[in-house]
Amino acid sequence: MDLARSACAGLLLAAALAAMPKQAQGDPNRALTNTVLTNTVLTVALKDYGIAGLVTHKPEAKAFKYGIVLFPGYPSIMKLREEGGQPRFELGGNFLIRARRHWLDEETLVISVDAPSDQWTSFSQQFRQDARYGADVAALLAEAARRYGISDSTLVGTSEGTVSALPAARMNSGVARRLILSSSVFLSSGNGPGLSGVDWDGVQARLLWVHHEDDGCRFTPYRSAKQFAEMPRSPLLTVRGGGPARSSSCEAYAEHGFVGIERETVLAMRSWVRTGVGAGRRGAALEAAEPAVAGLEPPGQQFVRGAQAGG
């Protein structure tokens, strides 16, 4: 009976996350390409497969210090390729993918990581724990560092992408200085154990949890974010406001995907990357751009409240 319930839960999660509404299909950054930002496909060939990342930066930026490495949510398969000399990919509506422009300045480059090409049919949670996946991510980060001169990397995962980002950080502790986990899949389902089955040993990166207080997805409850944040003694950025939601609770255009408050959420995360504010310091607050308000609630946890923001 437990196995049946688990399998049913997994099917519900897969259906909820896969049934992306039409407005979530597109990447709002595409209209800004070559004017506000530049997109390039970076591919590393590995034996009979490859791993690729979508590199995004400001057109005028030439020297980079910060690398923001994004791991999108379910199914975490972008199918990144070039067509007609232009990048093409899926998951354009994912929170991290659609909001990636808000990370950018003259020193910052964003890499959106695709699943290895031989995993495009089934990128399982179990595979993401395997040493081979850690080596695949290491190869991509090494090539990005060689080509763009990145000296400081932060790994960021959202939803089921947290199950990619955390083991990738653990297996690349010499590269990943920081780890940000947003809308994390805490509870076990038929897709896998989520973060409940992750090996925490060896995670040396500084850790920030980010979660919307009204996240209604049954596999990513806010109460679990508060519990998990106590384990490694790392700060929790609690997000409030935004909206209105225009997808179901486990999809990208609900509180689960920080709809309506994408910009404020990213800027608060970027502030933590740059300043470390709130990282274990009682009384500190994360600064976020207007109209967001930042403060502590309660001590040891951060929150951001904002009105409508650009998606």
C-alpha atoms as a PDB file:
ATOM      1  CA  MET A   1       0.000   0.000   0.000  1.00  0.00           C
ATOM      2  CA  ASP A   2       2.829   2.437   0.842  1.00  0.00           C
ATOM      3  CA  LEU A   3       4.503   1.692  -2.487  1.00  0.00           C
ATOM      4  CA  ALA A   4       1.238   2.302  -4.300  1.00  0.00           C
ATOM      5  CA  ARG A   5       0.742   5.621  -2.515  1.00  0.00           C
ATOM      6  CA  SER A   6       4.333   6.635  -3.293  1.00  0.00           C
ATOM      7  CA  ALA A   7       3.946   5.758  -6.965  1.00  0.00           C
ATOM      8  CA  CYS A   8       0.662   7.662  -7.128  1.00  0.00           C
ATOM      9  CA  ALA A   9       2.288  10.690  -5.495  1.00  0.00           C
ATOM     10  CA  GLY A  10       5.096  10.556  -8.026  1.00  0.00           C
ATOM     11  CA  LEU A  11       2.634  10.494 -10.913  1.00  0.00           C
ATOM     12  CA  LEU A  12       0.777  13.460  -9.435  1.00  0.00           C
ATOM     13  CA  LEU A  13       4.019  15.432  -9.105  1.00  0.00           C
ATOM     14  CA  ALA A  14       5.096  14.581 -12.645  1.00  0.00           C
ATOM     15  CA  ALA A  15       1.702  15.521 -14.055  1.00  0.00           C
ATOM     16  CA  ALA A  16       1.547  18.782 -12.123  1.00  0.00           C
ATOM     17  CA  LEU A  17       5.030  19.880 -13.097  1.00  0.00           C
ATOM     18  CA  ALA A  18       4.814  18.718 -16.702  1.00  0.00           C
ATOM     19  CA  ALA A  19       1.456  20.353 -17.463  1.00  0.00           C
ATOM     20  CA  MET A  20       3.004  23.768 -18.007  1.00  0.00           C
ATOM     21  CA  PRO A  21       0.542  26.400 -19.241  1.00  0.00           C
ATOM     22  CA  LYS A  22       1.128  27.974 -22.654  1.00  0.00           C
ATOM     23  CA  GLN A  23       2.282  31.284 -21.231  1.00  0.00           C
ATOM     24  CA  ALA A  24       5.001  29.432 -19.305  1.00  0.00           C
ATOM     25  CA  GLN A  25       6.507  27.897 -22.434  1.00  0.00           C
ATOM     26  CA  GLY A  26       8.362  30.967 -23.684  1.00  0.00           C
ATOM     27  CA  ASP A  27      11.516  32.621 -22.428  1.00  0.00           C
ATOM     28  CA  PRO A  28      10.889  36.347 -21.804  1.00  0.00           C
ATOM     29  CA  ASN A  29      14.624  36.984 -22.152  1.00  0.00           C
ATOM     30  CA  ARG A  30      14.607  36.113 -25.868  1.00  0.00           C
ATOM     31  CA  ALA A  31      13.240  39.537 -26.769  1.00  0.00           C
ATOM     32  CA  LEU A  32      16.259  41.110 -25.042  1.00  0.00           C
ATOM     33  CA  THR A  33      18.908  39.038 -26.833  1.00  0.00           C
ATOM     34  CA  ASN A  34      21.795  41.063 -28.324  1.00  0.00           C
ATOM     35  CA  THR A  35      20.531  44.289 -26.747  1.00  0.00           C
ATOM     36  CA  VAL A  36      20.308  43.693 -23.001  1.00  0.00           C
ATOM     37  CA  LEU A  37      21.893  40.242 -22.866  1.00  0.00           C
ATOM     38  CA  THR A  38      23.820  37.686 -24.924  1.00  0.00           C
ATOM     39  CA  ASN A  39      23.064  33.950 -25.000  1.00  0.00           C
ATOM     40  CA  THR A  40      25.617  31.337 -26.053  1.00  0.00           C
ATOM     41  CA  VAL A  41      25.538  27.541 -25.973  1.00  0.00           C
ATOM     42  CA  LEU A  42      28.572  26.080 -24.199  1.00  0.00           C
ATOM     43  CA  THR A  43      28.995  22.351 -24.855  1.00  0.00           C
ATOM     44  CA  VAL A  44      31.556  19.888 -23.511  1.00  0.00           C
ATOM     45  CA  ALA A  45      31.924  16.568 -25.350  1.00  0.00           C
ATOM     46  CA  LEU A  46      32.368  13.597 -22.987  1.00  0.00           C
ATOM     47  CA  LYS A  47      32.863  10.171 -24.596  1.00  0.00           C
ATOM     48  CA  ASP A  48      29.601   9.353 -26.392  1.00  0.00           C
ATOM     49  CA  TYR A  49      27.528  12.148 -24.851  1.00  0.00           C
ATOM     50  CA  GLY A  50      27.862  15.768 -23.863  1.00  0.00           C
ATOM     51  CA  ILE A  51      26.765  18.306 -21.290  1.00  0.00           C
ATOM     52  CA  ALA A  52      25.788  21.847 -22.190  1.00  0.00           C
ATOM     53  CA  GLY A  53      24.983  25.122 -20.515  1.00  0.00           C
ATOM     54  CA  LEU A  54      23.284  28.280 -21.734  1.00  0.00           C
ATOM     55  CA  VAL A  55      25.703  31.133 -21.019  1.00  0.00           C
ATOM     56  CA  THR A  56      24.013  34.503 -20.505  1.00  0.00           C
ATOM     57  CA  HIS A  57      25.732  37.843 -19.892  1.00  0.00           C
ATOM     58  CA  LYS A  58      25.546  41.503 -20.788  1.00  0.00           C
ATOM     59  CA  PRO A  59      26.837  42.176 -24.328  1.00  0.00           C
ATOM     60  CA  GLU A  60      29.410  44.719 -23.164  1.00  0.00           C
ATOM     61  CA  ALA A  61      30.748  42.547 -20.328  1.00  0.00           C
ATOM     62  CA  LYS A  62      34.158  41.030 -21.064  1.00  0.00           C
ATOM     63  CA  ALA A  63      35.747  40.094 -17.724  1.00  0.00           C
ATOM     64  CA  PHE A  64      33.732  38.073 -15.233  1.00  0.00           C
ATOM     65  CA  LYS A  65      34.189  37.354 -11.552  1.00  0.00           C
ATOM     66  CA  TYR A  66      30.899  35.753 -10.502  1.00  0.00           C
ATOM     67  CA  GLY A  67      29.455  32.645 -12.104  1.00  0.00           C
ATOM     68  CA  ILE A  68      25.813  31.884 -11.251  1.00  0.00           C
ATOM     69  CA  VAL A  69      25.107  28.265 -12.169  1.00  0.00           C
ATOM     70  CA  LEU A  70      21.388  27.503 -12.524  1.00  0.00           C
ATOM     71  CA  PHE A  71      19.730  24.088 -12.239  1.00  0.00           C
ATOM     72  CA  PRO A  72      16.090  24.375 -13.432  1.00  0.00           C
ATOM     73  CA  GLY A  73      13.175  22.368 -12.075  1.00  0.00           C
ATOM     74  CA  TYR A  74      11.301  19.334 -13.351  1.00  0.00           C
ATOM     75  CA  PRO A  75      12.173  17.641 -15.596  1.00  0.00           C
ATOM     76  CA  SER A  76      15.465  19.609 -15.583  1.00  0.00           C
ATOM     77  CA  ILE A  77      15.930  18.695 -19.251  1.00  0.00           C
ATOM     78  CA  MET A  78      16.417  21.777 -21.443  1.00  0.00           C
ATOM     79  CA  LYS A  79      17.423  19.936 -24.651  1.00  0.00           C
ATOM     80  CA  LEU A  80      19.796  22.807 -25.316  1.00  0.00           C
ATOM     81  CA  ARG A  81      21.015  23.096 -28.914  1.00  0.00           C
ATOM     82  CA  GLU A  82      21.696  25.585 -31.695  1.00  0.00           C
ATOM     83  CA  GLU A  83      19.330  26.052 -34.616  1.00  0.00           C
ATOM     84  CA  GLY A  84      20.125  28.582 -37.306  1.00  0.00           C
ATOM     85  CA  GLY A  85      22.954  29.926 -35.194  1.00  0.00           C
ATOM     86  CA  GLN A  86      20.639  30.662 -32.253  1.00  0.00           C
ATOM     87  CA  PRO A  87      20.218  28.841 -28.920  1.00  0.00           C
ATOM     88  CA  ARG A  88      17.050  26.782 -28.624  1.00  0.00           C
ATOM     89  CA  PHE A  89      15.855  25.069 -25.470  1.00  0.00           C
ATOM     90  CA  GLU A  90      12.890  23.987 -23.379  1.00  0.00           C
ATOM     91  CA  LEU A  91      11.901  25.086 -19.847  1.00  0.00           C
ATOM     92  CA  GLY A  92      11.934  28.765 -20.805  1.00  0.00           C
ATOM     93  CA  GLY A  93       9.163  29.429 -18.292  1.00  0.00           C
ATOM     94  CA  ASN A  94      11.006  27.927 -15.329  1.00  0.00           C
ATOM     95  CA  PHE A  95      11.597  30.485 -12.554  1.00  0.00           C
ATOM     96  CA  LEU A  96      15.387  30.397 -12.780  1.00  0.00           C
ATOM     97  CA  ILE A  97      15.457  30.439 -16.579  1.00  0.00           C
ATOM     98  CA  ARG A  98      12.936  33.239 -17.097  1.00  0.00           C
ATOM     99  CA  ALA A  99      14.422  35.398 -14.303  1.00  0.00           C
ATOM    100  CA  ARG A 100      18.098  34.881 -15.148  1.00  0.00           C
ATOM    101  CA  ARG A 101      18.549  38.404 -16.526  1.00  0.00           C
ATOM    102  CA  HIS A 102      18.102  39.867 -13.037  1.00  0.00           C
ATOM    103  CA  TRP A 103      21.440  38.351 -11.965  1.00  0.00           C
ATOM    104  CA  LEU A 104      23.406  40.189 -14.629  1.00  0.00           C
ATOM    105  CA  ASP A 105      25.860  43.032 -14.308  1.00  0.00           C
ATOM    106  CA  GLU A 106      29.315  43.689 -15.776  1.00  0.00           C
ATOM    107  CA  GLU A 107      30.957  41.147 -13.438  1.00  0.00           C
ATOM    108  CA  THR A 108      28.367  38.366 -13.508  1.00  0.00           C
ATOM    109  CA  LEU A 109      27.756  35.536 -15.945  1.00  0.00           C
ATOM    110  CA  VAL A 110      24.901  33.023 -15.728  1.00  0.00           C
ATOM    111  CA  ILE A 111      25.109  29.381 -16.837  1.00  0.00           C
ATOM    112  CA  SER A 112      21.839  27.437 -17.096  1.00  0.00           C
ATOM    113  CA  VAL A 113      22.799  23.765 -16.900  1.00  0.00           C
ATOM    114  CA  ASP A 114      21.098  21.153 -19.069  1.00  0.00           C
ATOM    115  CA  ALA A 115      20.905  17.454 -18.275  1.00  0.00           C
ATOM    116  CA  PRO A 116      23.663  15.384 -19.929  1.00  0.00           C
ATOM    117  CA  SER A 117      22.533  14.498 -23.448  1.00  0.00           C
ATOM    118  CA  ASP A 118      22.329  10.764 -22.725  1.00  0.00           C
ATOM    119  CA  GLN A 119      19.857  11.544 -19.908  1.00  0.00           C
ATOM    120  CA  TRP A 120      17.355  13.498 -21.985  1.00  0.00           C
ATOM    121  CA  THR A 121      14.784  10.698 -21.876  1.00  0.00           C
ATOM    122  CA  SER A 122      14.920  10.126 -18.113  1.00  0.00           C
ATOM    123  CA  PHE A 123      17.008  12.372 -15.867  1.00  0.00           C
ATOM    124  CA  SER A 124      16.388  10.502 -12.624  1.00  0.00           C
ATOM    125  CA  GLN A 125      17.041  11.726  -9.105  1.00  0.00           C
ATOM    126  CA  GLN A 126      19.152   8.632  -8.560  1.00  0.00           C
ATOM    127  CA  PHE A 127      21.468   9.540 -11.458  1.00  0.00           C
ATOM    128  CA  ARG A 128      21.982  13.019 -10.054  1.00  0.00           C
ATOM    129  CA  GLN A 129      23.512  11.467  -6.928  1.00  0.00           C
ATOM    130  CA  ASP A 130      26.002   9.483  -9.011  1.00  0.00           C
ATOM    131  CA  ALA A 131      29.670  10.422  -9.209  1.00  0.00           C
ATOM    132  CA  ARG A 132      29.426  10.598 -12.987  1.00  0.00           C
ATOM    133  CA  TYR A 133      26.985  13.486 -12.776  1.00  0.00           C
ATOM    134  CA  GLY A 134      29.341  15.337 -10.470  1.00  0.00           C
ATOM    135  CA  ALA A 135      32.129  14.832 -13.000  1.00  0.00           C
ATOM    136  CA  ASP A 136      29.886  16.020 -15.843  1.00  0.00           C
ATOM    137  CA  VAL A 137      29.094  19.264 -14.028  1.00  0.00           C
ATOM    138  CA  ALA A 138      32.772  19.670 -13.128  1.00  0.00           C
ATOM    139  CA  ALA A 139      33.732  19.430 -16.804  1.00  0.00           C
ATOM    140  CA  LEU A 140      31.216  22.111 -17.762  1.00  0.00           C
ATOM    141  CA  LEU A 141      32.325  24.456 -14.973  1.00  0.00           C
ATOM    142  CA  ALA A 142      35.982  23.937 -15.862  1.00  0.00           C
ATOM    143  CA  GLU A 143      35.336  24.873 -19.484  1.00  0.00           C
ATOM    144  CA  ALA A 144      33.348  27.934 -18.405  1.00  0.00           C
ATOM    145  CA  ALA A 145      36.187  29.003 -16.110  1.00  0.00           C
ATOM    146  CA  ARG A 146      38.736  28.517 -18.897  1.00  0.00           C
ATOM    147  CA  ARG A 147      36.709  30.421 -21.459  1.00  0.00           C
ATOM    148  CA  TYR A 148      35.286  33.211 -19.316  1.00  0.00           C
ATOM    149  CA  GLY A 149      37.716  33.505 -16.410  1.00  0.00           C
ATOM    150  CA  ILE A 150      35.166  32.885 -13.657  1.00  0.00           C
ATOM    151  CA  SER A 151      36.792  32.691 -10.228  1.00  0.00           C
ATOM    152  CA  ASP A 152      33.719  32.545  -7.976  1.00  0.00           C
ATOM    153  CA  SER A 153      30.816  30.130  -8.573  1.00  0.00           C
ATOM    154  CA  THR A 154      27.423  29.855  -6.875  1.00  0.00           C
ATOM    155  CA  LEU A 155      25.152  26.892  -7.642  1.00  0.00           C
ATOM    156  CA  VAL A 156      21.418  27.648  -7.616  1.00  0.00           C
ATOM    157  CA  GLY A 157      18.649  25.054  -7.902  1.00  0.00           C
ATOM    158  CA  THR A 158      14.888  25.391  -7.873  1.00  0.00           C
ATOM    159  CA  SER A 159      12.182  22.776  -7.275  1.00  0.00           C
ATOM    160  CA  GLU A 160      13.501  19.403  -8.498  1.00  0.00           C
ATOM    161  CA  GLY A 161      16.613  21.244  -9.684  1.00  0.00           C
ATOM    162  CA  THR A 162      17.635  21.374  -6.023  1.00  0.00           C
ATOM    163  CA  VAL A 163      18.163  17.608  -6.292  1.00  0.00           C
ATOM    164  CA  SER A 164      20.708  18.420  -9.024  1.00  0.00           C
ATOM    165  CA  ALA A 165      22.387  21.419  -7.412  1.00  0.00           C
ATOM    166  CA  LEU A 166      23.042  19.971  -3.965  1.00  0.00           C
ATOM    167  CA  PRO A 167      24.954  16.827  -5.032  1.00  0.00           C
ATOM    168  CA  ALA A 168      26.733  18.835  -7.738  1.00  0.00           C
ATOM    169  CA  ALA A 169      27.962  21.229  -5.033  1.00  0.00           C
ATOM    170  CA  ARG A 170      28.919  18.373  -2.727  1.00  0.00           C
ATOM    171  CA  MET A 171      30.938  16.634  -5.460  1.00  0.00           C
ATOM    172  CA  ASN A 172      32.596  19.888  -6.574  1.00  0.00           C
ATOM    173  CA  SER A 173      33.412  21.476  -3.236  1.00  0.00           C
ATOM    174  CA  GLY A 174      36.547  23.122  -4.591  1.00  0.00           C
ATOM    175  CA  VAL A 175      34.533  25.078  -7.163  1.00  0.00           C
ATOM    176  CA  ALA A 176      31.131  25.722  -5.581  1.00  0.00           C
ATOM    177  CA  ARG A 177      31.597  28.437  -2.970  1.00  0.00           C
ATOM    178  CA  ARG A 178      27.876  28.871  -2.348  1.00  0.00           C
ATOM    179  CA  LEU A 179      24.680  26.900  -2.777  1.00  0.00           C
ATOM    180  CA  ILE A 180      21.178  28.377  -3.033  1.00  0.00           C
ATOM    181  CA  LEU A 181      18.177  26.032  -2.866  1.00  0.00           C
ATOM    182  CA  SER A 182      14.785  27.534  -3.750  1.00  0.00           C
ATOM    183  CA  SER A 183      11.326  25.924  -3.656  1.00  0.00           C
ATOM    184  CA  SER A 184      13.080  22.712  -2.692  1.00  0.00           C
ATOM    185  CA  VAL A 185      11.514  19.271  -3.162  1.00  0.00           C
ATOM    186  CA  PHE A 186      11.684  18.099   0.430  1.00  0.00           C
ATOM    187  CA  LEU A 187       9.288  15.164   0.402  1.00  0.00           C
ATOM    188  CA  SER A 188       9.684  11.733  -1.140  1.00  0.00           C
ATOM    189  CA  SER A 189       7.564  10.711  -4.121  1.00  0.00           C
ATOM    190  CA  GLY A 190       7.589   8.190  -6.932  1.00  0.00           C
ATOM    191  CA  ASN A 191      10.181  10.364  -8.676  1.00  0.00           C
ATOM    192  CA  GLY A 192      12.636   9.797  -5.839  1.00  0.00           C
ATOM    193  CA  PRO A 193      13.402  10.833  -2.287  1.00  0.00           C
ATOM    194  CA  GLY A 194      13.934  14.525  -3.018  1.00  0.00           C
ATOM    195  CA  LEU A 195      16.213  16.192  -0.498  1.00  0.00           C
ATOM    196  CA  SER A 196      15.105  13.716   2.160  1.00  0.00           C
ATOM    197  CA  GLY A 197      17.516  11.211   0.603  1.00  0.00           C
ATOM    198  CA  VAL A 198      20.448  13.521  -0.145  1.00  0.00           C
ATOM    199  CA  ASP A 199      23.894  12.837   1.291  1.00  0.00           C
ATOM    200  CA  TRP A 200      24.796  15.991   3.233  1.00  0.00           C
ATOM    201  CA  ASP A 201      28.311  14.851   4.075  1.00  0.00           C
ATOM    202  CA  GLY A 202      30.899  16.826   2.170  1.00  0.00           C
ATOM    203  CA  VAL A 203      28.686  19.846   1.461  1.00  0.00           C
ATOM    204  CA  GLN A 204      31.153  22.643   2.191  1.00  0.00           C
ATOM    205  CA  ALA A 205      29.476  25.462   0.275  1.00  0.00           C
ATOM    206  CA  ARG A 206      27.712  28.189   2.226  1.00  0.00           C
ATOM    207  CA  LEU A 207      24.009  27.477   1.983  1.00  0.00           C
ATOM    208  CA  LEU A 208      20.961  29.719   1.575  1.00  0.00           C
ATOM    209  CA  TRP A 209      17.394  28.409   1.529  1.00  0.00           C
ATOM    210  CA  VAL A 210      14.801  30.420  -0.432  1.00  0.00           C
ATOM    211  CA  HIS A 211      11.093  29.650  -0.164  1.00  0.00           C
ATOM    212  CA  HIS A 212       7.761  31.389  -0.672  1.00  0.00           C
ATOM    213  CA  GLU A 213       5.701  31.264   2.492  1.00  0.00           C
ATOM    214  CA  ASP A 214       2.565  30.432   0.475  1.00  0.00           C
ATOM    215  CA  ASP A 215       4.110  27.722  -1.705  1.00  0.00           C
ATOM    216  CA  GLY A 216       1.148  25.396  -2.142  1.00  0.00           C
ATOM    217  CA  CYS A 217       2.913  22.481  -3.803  1.00  0.00           C
ATOM    218  CA  ARG A 218       2.419  19.389  -1.632  1.00  0.00           C
ATOM    219  CA  PHE A 219       6.023  18.238  -2.155  1.00  0.00           C
ATOM    220  CA  THR A 220       7.615  21.599  -1.299  1.00  0.00           C
ATOM    221  CA  PRO A 221       5.903  22.862   1.885  1.00  0.00           C
ATOM    222  CA  TYR A 222       7.236  25.969   3.582  1.00  0.00           C
ATOM    223  CA  ARG A 223       7.219  24.245   6.978  1.00  0.00           C
ATOM    224  CA  SER A 224       9.828  21.798   5.634  1.00  0.00           C
ATOM    225  CA  ALA A 225      12.012  24.700   4.500  1.00  0.00           C
ATOM    226  CA  LYS A 226      12.030  25.983   8.082  1.00  0.00           C
ATOM    227  CA  GLN A 227      12.939  22.525   9.387  1.00  0.00           C
ATOM    228  CA  PHE A 228      15.703  21.921   6.842  1.00  0.00           C
ATOM    229  CA  ALA A 229      17.176  25.381   7.429  1.00  0.00           C
ATOM    230  CA  GLU A 230      17.792  24.411  11.048  1.00  0.00           C
ATOM    231  CA  MET A 231      19.830  21.319  10.111  1.00  0.00           C
ATOM    232  CA  PRO A 232      22.876  23.017   8.557  1.00  0.00           C
ATOM    233  CA  ARG A 233      22.290  26.257  10.508  1.00  0.00           C
ATOM    234  CA  SER A 234      21.920  28.233   7.290  1.00  0.00           C
ATOM    235  CA  PRO A 235      19.677  31.257   6.662  1.00  0.00           C
ATOM    236  CA  LEU A 236      16.218  30.965   5.170  1.00  0.00           C
ATOM    237  CA  LEU A 237      15.014  33.691   2.817  1.00  0.00           C
ATOM    238  CA  THR A 238      11.231  33.718   3.186  1.00  0.00           C
ATOM    239  CA  VAL A 239       9.435  35.330   0.239  1.00  0.00           C
ATOM    240  CA  ARG A 240       5.976  36.877   0.511  1.00  0.00           C
ATOM    241  CA  GLY A 241       3.677  38.612  -1.922  1.00  0.00           C
ATOM    242  CA  GLY A 242       3.871  38.705  -5.697  1.00  0.00           C
ATOM    243  CA  GLY A 243       1.196  37.111  -7.826  1.00  0.00           C
ATOM    244  CA  PRO A 244      -1.317  36.712  -9.196  1.00  0.00           C
ATOM    245  CA  ALA A 245      -0.784  33.009  -9.748  1.00  0.00           C
ATOM    246  CA  ARG A 246      -1.770  31.736 -13.186  1.00  0.00           C
ATOM    247  CA  SER A 247      -0.821  28.074 -12.940  1.00  0.00           C
ATOM    248  CA  SER A 248      -1.430  25.237 -10.503  1.00  0.00           C
ATOM    249  CA  SER A 249       0.477  25.103  -7.241  1.00  0.00           C
ATOM    250  CA  CYS A 250       3.441  22.947  -8.354  1.00  0.00           C
ATOM    251  CA  GLU A 251       4.027  24.884 -11.574  1.00  0.00           C
ATOM    252  CA  ALA A 252       6.289  27.793 -12.409  1.00  0.00           C
ATOM    253  CA  TYR A 253       3.655  30.545 -12.484  1.00  0.00           C
ATOM    254  CA  ALA A 254       2.437  30.123  -8.933  1.00  0.00           C
ATOM    255  CA  GLU A 255       4.032  31.028  -5.588  1.00  0.00           C
ATOM    256  CA  HIS A 256       6.172  27.914  -6.136  1.00  0.00           C
ATOM    257  CA  GLY A 257       7.851  29.825  -8.988  1.00  0.00           C
ATOM    258  CA  PHE A 258       7.866  33.242  -7.245  1.00  0.00           C
ATOM    259  CA  VAL A 259       5.434  34.644  -9.805  1.00  0.00           C
ATOM    260  CA  GLY A 260       5.160  38.431  -9.683  1.00  0.00           C
ATOM    261  CA  ILE A 261       8.162  38.773  -7.401  1.00  0.00           C
ATOM    262  CA  GLU A 262      10.906  37.212  -9.545  1.00  0.00           C
ATOM    263  CA  ARG A 263      13.088  40.310  -9.690  1.00  0.00           C
ATOM    264  CA  GLU A 264      13.020  41.004  -5.959  1.00  0.00           C
ATOM    265  CA  THR A 265      13.769  37.374  -5.150  1.00  0.00           C
ATOM    266  CA  VAL A 266      16.757  37.224  -7.500  1.00  0.00           C
ATOM    267  CA  LEU A 267      18.149  40.546  -6.287  1.00  0.00           C
ATOM    268  CA  ALA A 268      17.922  39.365  -2.676  1.00  0.00           C
ATOM    269  CA  MET A 269      19.803  36.192  -3.602  1.00  0.00           C
ATOM    270  CA  ARG A 270      22.383  38.232  -5.507  1.00  0.00           C
ATOM    271  CA  SER A 271      22.885  40.468  -2.476  1.00  0.00           C
ATOM    272  CA  TRP A 272      23.587  37.384  -0.344  1.00  0.00           C
ATOM    273  CA  VAL A 273      26.119  36.157  -2.917  1.00  0.00           C
ATOM    274  CA  ARG A 274      27.922  39.499  -2.951  1.00  0.00           C
ATOM    275  CA  THR A 275      27.812  40.499   0.707  1.00  0.00           C
ATOM    276  CA  GLY A 276      27.015  37.391   2.728  1.00  0.00           C
ATOM    277  CA  VAL A 277      24.491  39.494   4.627  1.00  0.00           C
ATOM    278  CA  GLY A 278      22.320  37.311   6.814  1.00  0.00           C
ATOM    279  CA  ALA A 279      24.683  34.355   6.714  1.00  0.00           C
ATOM    280  CA  GLY A 280      24.668  33.443  10.379  1.00  0.00           C
ATOM    281  CA  ARG A 281      24.599  37.045  11.607  1.00  0.00           C
ATOM    282  CA  ARG A 282      21.752  37.807  13.955  1.00  0.00           C
ATOM    283  CA  GLY A 283      20.138  41.127  13.162  1.00  0.00           C
ATOM    284  CA  ALA A 284      21.359  41.349   9.569  1.00  0.00           C
ATOM    285  CA  ALA A 285      18.972  41.850   6.679  1.00  0.00           C
ATOM    286  CA  LEU A 286      19.112  41.116   2.986  1.00  0.00           C
ATOM    287  CA  GLU A 287      18.813  44.191   0.820  1.00  0.00           C
ATOM    288  CA  ALA A 288      16.515  43.982  -2.203  1.00  0.00           C
ATOM    289  CA  ALA A 289      15.583  46.537  -4.827  1.00  0.00           C
ATOM    290  CA  GLU A 290      12.364  48.515  -4.493  1.00  0.00           C
ATOM    291  CA  PRO A 291       9.485  47.822  -4.161  1.00  0.00           C
ATOM    292  CA  ALA A 292      10.651  44.888  -2.076  1.00  0.00           C
ATOM    293  CA  VAL A 293      11.115  45.270   1.670  1.00  0.00           C
ATOM    294  CA  ALA A 294      13.677  43.166   3.495  1.00  0.00           C
ATOM    295  CA  GLY A 295      14.070  42.343   7.151  1.00  0.00           C
ATOM    296  CA  LEU A 296      14.291  39.593   9.721  1.00  0.00           C
ATOM    297  CA  GLU A 297      11.314  37.525  10.766  1.00  0.00           C
ATOM    298  CA  PRO A 298      12.028  35.853  13.098  1.00  0.00           C
ATOM    299  CA  PRO A 299      15.757  36.182  14.022  1.00  0.00           C
ATOM    300  CA  GLY A 300      17.882  33.969  11.837  1.00  0.00           C
ATOM    301  CA  GLN A 301      15.409  33.963   8.943  1.00  0.00           C
ATOM    302  CA  GLN A 302      15.116  36.526   6.161  1.00  0.00           C
ATOM    303  CA  PHE A 303      12.031  37.633   4.299  1.00  0.00           C
ATOM    304  CA  VAL A 304      11.265  39.658   1.200  1.00  0.00           C
ATOM    305  CA  ARG A 305       7.878  41.216   0.523  1.00  0.00           C
ATOM    306  CA  GLY A 306       7.127  42.829  -2.804  1.00  0.00           C
ATOM    307  CA  ALA A 307       4.396  43.970  -5.127  1.00  0.00           C
ATOM    308  CA  GLN A 308       4.097  43.170  -8.822  1.00  0.00           C
ATOM    309  CA  ALA A 309       7.467  42.779 -10.501  1.00  0.00           C
ATOM    310  CA  GLY A 310       8.694  42.025 -13.988  1.00  0.00           C
ATOM    311  CA  GLY A 311       8.743  38.294 -14.787  1.00  0.00           C
END
